[in-house]
Amino acid sequence: PLEGEDTDAVQAQAILLAMAGALCAVVALCVALF
């Protein structure tokens, strides 16, 4: 909101980043288990 960007596009990008981060962490934990 501070930079006047399209909030929908930024929210979509942030959601994708959060999902990618969660996937990295889950894969790392699966490596530890298996």
PDB file of all heavy atoms in Angstrom:
ATOM      1  N   PRO A   1       0.806  -1.226   0.000  1.00  0.00           N
ATOM      2  CA  PRO A   1       0.000   0.000   0.000  1.00  0.00           C
ATOM      3  C   PRO A   1       0.839   1.275   0.000  1.00  0.00           C
ATOM      4  O   PRO A   1       0.392   2.302  -0.459  1.00  0.00           O
ATOM      5  CB  PRO A   1      -0.817  -0.111   1.292  1.00  0.00           C
ATOM      6  CG  PRO A   1      -0.808  -1.555   1.646  1.00  0.00           C
ATOM      7  CD  PRO A   1       0.492  -2.071   1.143  1.00  0.00           C
ATOM      8  N   LEU A   2       2.055   1.213   0.476  1.00  0.00           N
ATOM      9  CA  LEU A   2       2.879   2.411   0.559  1.00  0.00           C
ATOM     10  C   LEU A   2       3.377   2.866  -0.807  1.00  0.00           C
ATOM     11  O   LEU A   2       3.591   4.039  -1.031  1.00  0.00           O
ATOM     12  CB  LEU A   2       4.078   2.151   1.482  1.00  0.00           C
ATOM     13  CG  LEU A   2       3.723   1.790   2.923  1.00  0.00           C
ATOM     14  CD1 LEU A   2       4.988   1.464   3.703  1.00  0.00           C
ATOM     15  CD2 LEU A   2       2.965   2.915   3.587  1.00  0.00           C
ATOM     16  N   GLU A   3       3.552   1.954  -1.735  1.00  0.00           N
ATOM     17  CA  GLU A   3       4.109   2.301  -3.035  1.00  0.00           C
ATOM     18  C   GLU A   3       3.045   2.466  -4.114  1.00  0.00           C
ATOM     19  O   GLU A   3       3.375   2.738  -5.247  1.00  0.00           O
ATOM     20  CB  GLU A   3       5.118   1.221  -3.457  1.00  0.00           C
ATOM     21  CG  GLU A   3       6.316   1.160  -2.546  1.00  0.00           C
ATOM     22  CD  GLU A   3       7.299   0.090  -2.960  1.00  0.00           C
ATOM     23  OE1 GLU A   3       7.094  -0.538  -4.008  1.00  0.00           O
ATOM     24  OE2 GLU A   3       8.272  -0.111  -2.232  1.00  0.00           O
ATOM     25  N   GLY A   4       1.800   2.284  -3.793  1.00  0.00           N
ATOM     26  CA  GLY A   4       0.736   2.463  -4.758  1.00  0.00           C
ATOM     27  C   GLY A   4       0.637   1.369  -5.801  1.00  0.00           C
ATOM     28  O   GLY A   4       0.121   1.582  -6.889  1.00  0.00           O
ATOM     29  N   GLU A   5       1.128   0.204  -5.494  1.00  0.00           N
ATOM     30  CA  GLU A   5       1.070  -0.902  -6.435  1.00  0.00           C
ATOM     31  C   GLU A   5      -0.320  -1.531  -6.431  1.00  0.00           C
ATOM     32  O   GLU A   5      -1.143  -1.259  -5.564  1.00  0.00           O
ATOM     33  CB  GLU A   5       2.099  -1.968  -6.059  1.00  0.00           C
ATOM     34  CG  GLU A   5       3.525  -1.499  -6.201  1.00  0.00           C
ATOM     35  CD  GLU A   5       4.503  -2.541  -5.713  1.00  0.00           C
ATOM     36  OE1 GLU A   5       4.187  -3.248  -4.762  1.00  0.00           O
ATOM     37  OE2 GLU A   5       5.569  -2.616  -6.308  1.00  0.00           O
ATOM     38  N   ASP A   6      -0.540  -2.368  -7.411  1.00  0.00           N
ATOM     39  CA  ASP A   6      -1.790  -3.125  -7.475  1.00  0.00           C
ATOM     40  C   ASP A   6      -1.790  -4.130  -6.334  1.00  0.00           C
ATOM     41  O   ASP A   6      -0.967  -5.047  -6.296  1.00  0.00           O
ATOM     42  CB  ASP A   6      -1.881  -3.835  -8.827  1.00  0.00           C
ATOM     43  CG  ASP A   6      -3.168  -4.617  -8.978  1.00  0.00           C
ATOM     44  OD1 ASP A   6      -4.120  -4.357  -8.223  1.00  0.00           O
ATOM     45  OD2 ASP A   6      -3.209  -5.497  -9.854  1.00  0.00           O
ATOM     46  N   THR A   7      -2.696  -3.959  -5.383  1.00  0.00           N
ATOM     47  CA  THR A   7      -2.675  -4.801  -4.190  1.00  0.00           C
ATOM     48  C   THR A   7      -3.019  -6.252  -4.495  1.00  0.00           C
ATOM     49  O   THR A   7      -2.503  -7.160  -3.853  1.00  0.00           O
ATOM     50  CB  THR A   7      -3.629  -4.261  -3.122  1.00  0.00           C
ATOM     51  OG1 THR A   7      -4.940  -4.141  -3.681  1.00  0.00           O
ATOM     52  CG2 THR A   7      -3.176  -2.912  -2.624  1.00  0.00           C
ATOM     53  N   ASP A   8      -3.873  -6.493  -5.486  1.00  0.00           N
ATOM     54  CA  ASP A   8      -4.223  -7.880  -5.821  1.00  0.00           C
ATOM     55  C   ASP A   8      -3.014  -8.635  -6.361  1.00  0.00           C
ATOM     56  O   ASP A   8      -2.778  -9.788  -6.000  1.00  0.00           O
ATOM     57  CB  ASP A   8      -5.355  -7.919  -6.850  1.00  0.00           C
ATOM     58  CG  ASP A   8      -6.677  -7.443  -6.276  1.00  0.00           C
ATOM     59  OD1 ASP A   8      -6.839  -7.478  -5.035  1.00  0.00           O
ATOM     60  OD2 ASP A   8      -7.537  -7.030  -7.071  1.00  0.00           O
ATOM     61  N   ALA A   9      -2.246  -7.985  -7.216  1.00  0.00           N
ATOM     62  CA  ALA A   9      -1.061  -8.641  -7.779  1.00  0.00           C
ATOM     63  C   ALA A   9      -0.017  -8.898  -6.701  1.00  0.00           C
ATOM     64  O   ALA A   9       0.620  -9.955  -6.682  1.00  0.00           O
ATOM     65  CB  ALA A   9      -0.470  -7.795  -8.892  1.00  0.00           C
ATOM     66  N   VAL A  10       0.155  -7.956  -5.793  1.00  0.00           N
ATOM     67  CA  VAL A  10       1.147  -8.126  -4.732  1.00  0.00           C
ATOM     68  C   VAL A  10       0.709  -9.216  -3.765  1.00  0.00           C
ATOM     69  O   VAL A  10       1.521 -10.018  -3.308  1.00  0.00           O
ATOM     70  CB  VAL A  10       1.379  -6.787  -4.000  1.00  0.00           C
ATOM     71  CG1 VAL A  10       2.268  -6.976  -2.790  1.00  0.00           C
ATOM     72  CG2 VAL A  10       1.997  -5.787  -4.943  1.00  0.00           C
ATOM     73  N   GLN A  11      -0.592  -9.274  -3.472  1.00  0.00           N
ATOM     74  CA  GLN A  11      -1.096 -10.330  -2.594  1.00  0.00           C
ATOM     75  C   GLN A  11      -0.919 -11.702  -3.235  1.00  0.00           C
ATOM     76  O   GLN A  11      -0.538 -12.659  -2.563  1.00  0.00           O
ATOM     77  CB  GLN A  11      -2.553 -10.093  -2.248  1.00  0.00           C
ATOM     78  CG  GLN A  11      -2.764  -8.976  -1.260  1.00  0.00           C
ATOM     79  CD  GLN A  11      -4.230  -8.717  -0.976  1.00  0.00           C
ATOM     80  OE1 GLN A  11      -5.098  -9.295  -1.616  1.00  0.00           O
ATOM     81  NE2 GLN A  11      -4.501  -7.851  -0.028  1.00  0.00           N
ATOM     82  N   ALA A  12      -1.161 -11.793  -4.525  1.00  0.00           N
ATOM     83  CA  ALA A  12      -0.984 -13.069  -5.216  1.00  0.00           C
ATOM     84  C   ALA A  12       0.487 -13.478  -5.190  1.00  0.00           C
ATOM     85  O   ALA A  12       0.811 -14.650  -4.958  1.00  0.00           O
ATOM     86  CB  ALA A  12      -1.481 -12.967  -6.648  1.00  0.00           C
ATOM     87  N   GLN A  13       1.375 -12.537  -5.412  1.00  0.00           N
ATOM     88  CA  GLN A  13       2.802 -12.838  -5.367  1.00  0.00           C
ATOM     89  C   GLN A  13       3.221 -13.263  -3.965  1.00  0.00           C
ATOM     90  O   GLN A  13       4.001 -14.203  -3.798  1.00  0.00           O
ATOM     91  CB  GLN A  13       3.606 -11.624  -5.802  1.00  0.00           C
ATOM     92  CG  GLN A  13       5.102 -11.851  -5.749  1.00  0.00           C
ATOM     93  CD  GLN A  13       5.893 -10.591  -6.059  1.00  0.00           C
ATOM     94  OE1 GLN A  13       5.325  -9.524  -6.213  1.00  0.00           O
ATOM     95  NE2 GLN A  13       7.186 -10.720  -6.125  1.00  0.00           N
ATOM     96  N   ALA A  14       2.706 -12.587  -2.952  1.00  0.00           N
ATOM     97  CA  ALA A  14       3.062 -12.932  -1.579  1.00  0.00           C
ATOM     98  C   ALA A  14       2.542 -14.316  -1.202  1.00  0.00           C
ATOM     99  O   ALA A  14       3.224 -15.071  -0.510  1.00  0.00           O
ATOM    100  CB  ALA A  14       2.518 -11.876  -0.618  1.00  0.00           C
ATOM    101  N   ILE A  15       1.359 -14.657  -1.676  1.00  0.00           N
ATOM    102  CA  ILE A  15       0.816 -15.988  -1.401  1.00  0.00           C
ATOM    103  C   ILE A  15       1.671 -17.057  -2.063  1.00  0.00           C
ATOM    104  O   ILE A  15       1.980 -18.093  -1.463  1.00  0.00           O
ATOM    105  CB  ILE A  15      -0.656 -16.067  -1.852  1.00  0.00           C
ATOM    106  CG1 ILE A  15      -1.528 -15.228  -0.919  1.00  0.00           C
ATOM    107  CG2 ILE A  15      -1.147 -17.511  -1.888  1.00  0.00           C
ATOM    108  CD1 ILE A  15      -2.936 -15.036  -1.414  1.00  0.00           C
ATOM    109  N   LEU A  16       2.090 -16.807  -3.301  1.00  0.00           N
ATOM    110  CA  LEU A  16       2.965 -17.761  -3.983  1.00  0.00           C
ATOM    111  C   LEU A  16       4.312 -17.895  -3.269  1.00  0.00           C
ATOM    112  O   LEU A  16       4.857 -18.990  -3.153  1.00  0.00           O
ATOM    113  CB  LEU A  16       3.174 -17.354  -5.435  1.00  0.00           C
ATOM    114  CG  LEU A  16       1.971 -17.551  -6.357  1.00  0.00           C
ATOM    115  CD1 LEU A  16       2.269 -16.987  -7.734  1.00  0.00           C
ATOM    116  CD2 LEU A  16       1.620 -19.024  -6.448  1.00  0.00           C
ATOM    117  N   LEU A  17       4.854 -16.782  -2.793  1.00  0.00           N
ATOM    118  CA  LEU A  17       6.107 -16.843  -2.045  1.00  0.00           C
ATOM    119  C   LEU A  17       5.941 -17.642  -0.757  1.00  0.00           C
ATOM    120  O   LEU A  17       6.804 -18.446  -0.397  1.00  0.00           O
ATOM    121  CB  LEU A  17       6.601 -15.432  -1.716  1.00  0.00           C
ATOM    122  CG  LEU A  17       7.335 -14.687  -2.808  1.00  0.00           C
ATOM    123  CD1 LEU A  17       7.580 -13.249  -2.384  1.00  0.00           C
ATOM    124  CD2 LEU A  17       8.632 -15.369  -3.134  1.00  0.00           C
ATOM    125  N   ALA A  18       4.841 -17.425  -0.050  1.00  0.00           N
ATOM    126  CA  ALA A  18       4.602 -18.160   1.191  1.00  0.00           C
ATOM    127  C   ALA A  18       4.447 -19.651   0.920  1.00  0.00           C
ATOM    128  O   ALA A  18       4.962 -20.488   1.673  1.00  0.00           O
ATOM    129  CB  ALA A  18       3.366 -17.610   1.889  1.00  0.00           C
ATOM    130  N   MET A  19       3.753 -20.002  -0.162  1.00  0.00           N
ATOM    131  CA  MET A  19       3.591 -21.413  -0.508  1.00  0.00           C
ATOM    132  C   MET A  19       4.933 -22.032  -0.887  1.00  0.00           C
ATOM    133  O   MET A  19       5.232 -23.173  -0.506  1.00  0.00           O
ATOM    134  CB  MET A  19       2.582 -21.560  -1.639  1.00  0.00           C
ATOM    135  CG  MET A  19       1.160 -21.269  -1.206  1.00  0.00           C
ATOM    136  SD  MET A  19      -0.043 -21.170  -2.547  1.00  0.00           S
ATOM    137  CE  MET A  19       0.239 -22.635  -3.466  1.00  0.00           C
ATOM    138  N   ALA A  20       5.767 -21.297  -1.617  1.00  0.00           N
ATOM    139  CA  ALA A  20       7.086 -21.811  -2.000  1.00  0.00           C
ATOM    140  C   ALA A  20       7.971 -21.997  -0.768  1.00  0.00           C
ATOM    141  O   ALA A  20       8.706 -22.986  -0.672  1.00  0.00           O
ATOM    142  CB  ALA A  20       7.744 -20.864  -2.993  1.00  0.00           C
ATOM    143  N   GLY A  21       7.884 -21.064   0.159  1.00  0.00           N
ATOM    144  CA  GLY A  21       8.661 -21.199   1.395  1.00  0.00           C
ATOM    145  C   GLY A  21       8.227 -22.385   2.220  1.00  0.00           C
ATOM    146  O   GLY A  21       9.059 -23.122   2.764  1.00  0.00           O
ATOM    147  N   ALA A  22       6.925 -22.589   2.303  1.00  0.00           N
ATOM    148  CA  ALA A  22       6.420 -23.747   3.043  1.00  0.00           C
ATOM    149  C   ALA A  22       6.850 -25.045   2.364  1.00  0.00           C
ATOM    150  O   ALA A  22       7.211 -26.018   3.029  1.00  0.00           O
ATOM    151  CB  ALA A  22       4.904 -23.669   3.147  1.00  0.00           C
ATOM    152  N   LEU A  23       6.831 -25.059   1.038  1.00  0.00           N
ATOM    153  CA  LEU A  23       7.247 -26.253   0.309  1.00  0.00           C
ATOM    154  C   LEU A  23       8.732 -26.557   0.545  1.00  0.00           C
ATOM    155  O   LEU A  23       9.103 -27.717   0.754  1.00  0.00           O
ATOM    156  CB  LEU A  23       6.970 -26.081  -1.181  1.00  0.00           C
ATOM    157  CG  LEU A  23       7.311 -27.275  -2.066  1.00  0.00           C
ATOM    158  CD1 LEU A  23       6.441 -28.468  -1.710  1.00  0.00           C
ATOM    159  CD2 LEU A  23       7.140 -26.914  -3.522  1.00  0.00           C
ATOM    160  N   CYS A  24       9.563 -25.528   0.558  1.00  0.00           N
ATOM    161  CA  CYS A  24      10.992 -25.737   0.844  1.00  0.00           C
ATOM    162  C   CYS A  24      11.187 -26.339   2.233  1.00  0.00           C
ATOM    163  O   CYS A  24      11.969 -27.279   2.409  1.00  0.00           O
ATOM    164  CB  CYS A  24      11.751 -24.417   0.766  1.00  0.00           C
ATOM    165  SG  CYS A  24      11.989 -23.794  -0.887  1.00  0.00           S
ATOM    166  N   ALA A  25      10.481 -25.806   3.208  1.00  0.00           N
ATOM    167  CA  ALA A  25      10.623 -26.309   4.571  1.00  0.00           C
ATOM    168  C   ALA A  25      10.113 -27.741   4.691  1.00  0.00           C
ATOM    169  O   ALA A  25      10.737 -28.580   5.342  1.00  0.00           O
ATOM    170  CB  ALA A  25       9.885 -25.395   5.539  1.00  0.00           C
ATOM    171  N   VAL A  26       9.000 -28.050   4.052  1.00  0.00           N
ATOM    172  CA  VAL A  26       8.435 -29.403   4.126  1.00  0.00           C
ATOM    173  C   VAL A  26       9.348 -30.405   3.435  1.00  0.00           C
ATOM    174  O   VAL A  26       9.566 -31.509   3.939  1.00  0.00           O
ATOM    175  CB  VAL A  26       7.007 -29.421   3.529  1.00  0.00           C
ATOM    176  CG1 VAL A  26       6.524 -30.838   3.301  1.00  0.00           C
ATOM    177  CG2 VAL A  26       6.055 -28.683   4.440  1.00  0.00           C
ATOM    178  N   VAL A  27       9.898 -30.045   2.293  1.00  0.00           N
ATOM    179  CA  VAL A  27      10.823 -30.951   1.599  1.00  0.00           C
ATOM    180  C   VAL A  27      12.057 -31.204   2.457  1.00  0.00           C
ATOM    181  O   VAL A  27      12.535 -32.341   2.550  1.00  0.00           O
ATOM    182  CB  VAL A  27      11.200 -30.382   0.214  1.00  0.00           C
ATOM    183  CG1 VAL A  27      12.380 -31.113  -0.375  1.00  0.00           C
ATOM    184  CG2 VAL A  27      10.012 -30.460  -0.720  1.00  0.00           C
ATOM    185  N   ALA A  28      12.562 -30.161   3.102  1.00  0.00           N
ATOM    186  CA  ALA A  28      13.725 -30.343   3.967  1.00  0.00           C
ATOM    187  C   ALA A  28      13.395 -31.269   5.135  1.00  0.00           C
ATOM    188  O   ALA A  28      14.208 -32.127   5.501  1.00  0.00           O
ATOM    189  CB  ALA A  28      14.212 -28.993   4.473  1.00  0.00           C
ATOM    190  N   LEU A  29      12.225 -31.128   5.701  1.00  0.00           N
ATOM    191  CA  LEU A  29      11.845 -32.000   6.806  1.00  0.00           C
ATOM    192  C   LEU A  29      11.611 -33.426   6.335  1.00  0.00           C
ATOM    193  O   LEU A  29      11.911 -34.381   7.054  1.00  0.00           O
ATOM    194  CB  LEU A  29      10.618 -31.440   7.516  1.00  0.00           C
ATOM    195  CG  LEU A  29      10.858 -30.113   8.248  1.00  0.00           C
ATOM    196  CD1 LEU A  29       9.551 -29.567   8.811  1.00  0.00           C
ATOM    197  CD2 LEU A  29      11.889 -30.277   9.344  1.00  0.00           C
ATOM    198  N   CYS A  30      11.099 -33.595   5.134  1.00  0.00           N
ATOM    199  CA  CYS A  30      10.932 -34.942   4.574  1.00  0.00           C
ATOM    200  C   CYS A  30      12.292 -35.584   4.318  1.00  0.00           C
ATOM    201  O   CYS A  30      12.450 -36.793   4.510  1.00  0.00           O
ATOM    202  CB  CYS A  30      10.114 -34.901   3.291  1.00  0.00           C
ATOM    203  SG  CYS A  30       8.371 -34.610   3.570  1.00  0.00           S
ATOM    204  N   VAL A  31      13.249 -34.806   3.905  1.00  0.00           N
ATOM    205  CA  VAL A  31      14.607 -35.323   3.738  1.00  0.00           C
ATOM    206  C   VAL A  31      15.123 -35.834   5.078  1.00  0.00           C
ATOM    207  O   VAL A  31      15.740 -36.891   5.167  1.00  0.00           O
ATOM    208  CB  VAL A  31      15.548 -34.247   3.150  1.00  0.00           C
ATOM    209  CG1 VAL A  31      17.002 -34.647   3.287  1.00  0.00           C
ATOM    210  CG2 VAL A  31      15.196 -33.999   1.693  1.00  0.00           C
ATOM    211  N   ALA A  32      14.835 -35.082   6.126  1.00  0.00           N
ATOM    212  CA  ALA A  32      15.291 -35.504   7.458  1.00  0.00           C
ATOM    213  C   ALA A  32      14.621 -36.807   7.885  1.00  0.00           C
ATOM    214  O   ALA A  32      15.238 -37.635   8.556  1.00  0.00           O
ATOM    215  CB  ALA A  32      14.983 -34.413   8.476  1.00  0.00           C
ATOM    216  N   LEU A  33      13.379 -37.007   7.494  1.00  0.00           N
ATOM    217  CA  LEU A  33      12.661 -38.201   7.916  1.00  0.00           C
ATOM    218  C   LEU A  33      13.037 -39.435   7.097  1.00  0.00           C
ATOM    219  O   LEU A  33      13.145 -40.533   7.653  1.00  0.00           O
ATOM    220  CB  LEU A  33      11.147 -37.979   7.809  1.00  0.00           C
ATOM    221  CG  LEU A  33      10.534 -37.062   8.839  1.00  0.00           C
ATOM    222  CD1 LEU A  33       9.061 -36.837   8.520  1.00  0.00           C
ATOM    223  CD2 LEU A  33      10.687 -37.656  10.227  1.00  0.00           C
ATOM    224  N   PHE A  34      13.216 -39.269   5.794  1.00  0.00           N
ATOM    225  CA  PHE A  34      13.312 -40.430   4.920  1.00  0.00           C
ATOM    226  C   PHE A  34      14.715 -40.747   4.433  1.00  0.00           C
ATOM    227  O   PHE A  34      14.925 -41.798   3.850  1.00  0.00           O
ATOM    228  CB  PHE A  34      12.385 -40.246   3.726  1.00  0.00           C
ATOM    229  CG  PHE A  34      10.937 -40.175   4.132  1.00  0.00           C
ATOM    230  CD1 PHE A  34      10.202 -39.040   3.865  1.00  0.00           C
ATOM    231  CD2 PHE A  34      10.331 -41.217   4.791  1.00  0.00           C
ATOM    232  CE1 PHE A  34       8.861 -38.948   4.239  1.00  0.00           C
ATOM    233  CE2 PHE A  34       8.998 -41.146   5.164  1.00  0.00           C
ATOM    234  CZ  PHE A  34       8.274 -40.006   4.899  1.00  0.00           C
TER     235      PHE A  34
END
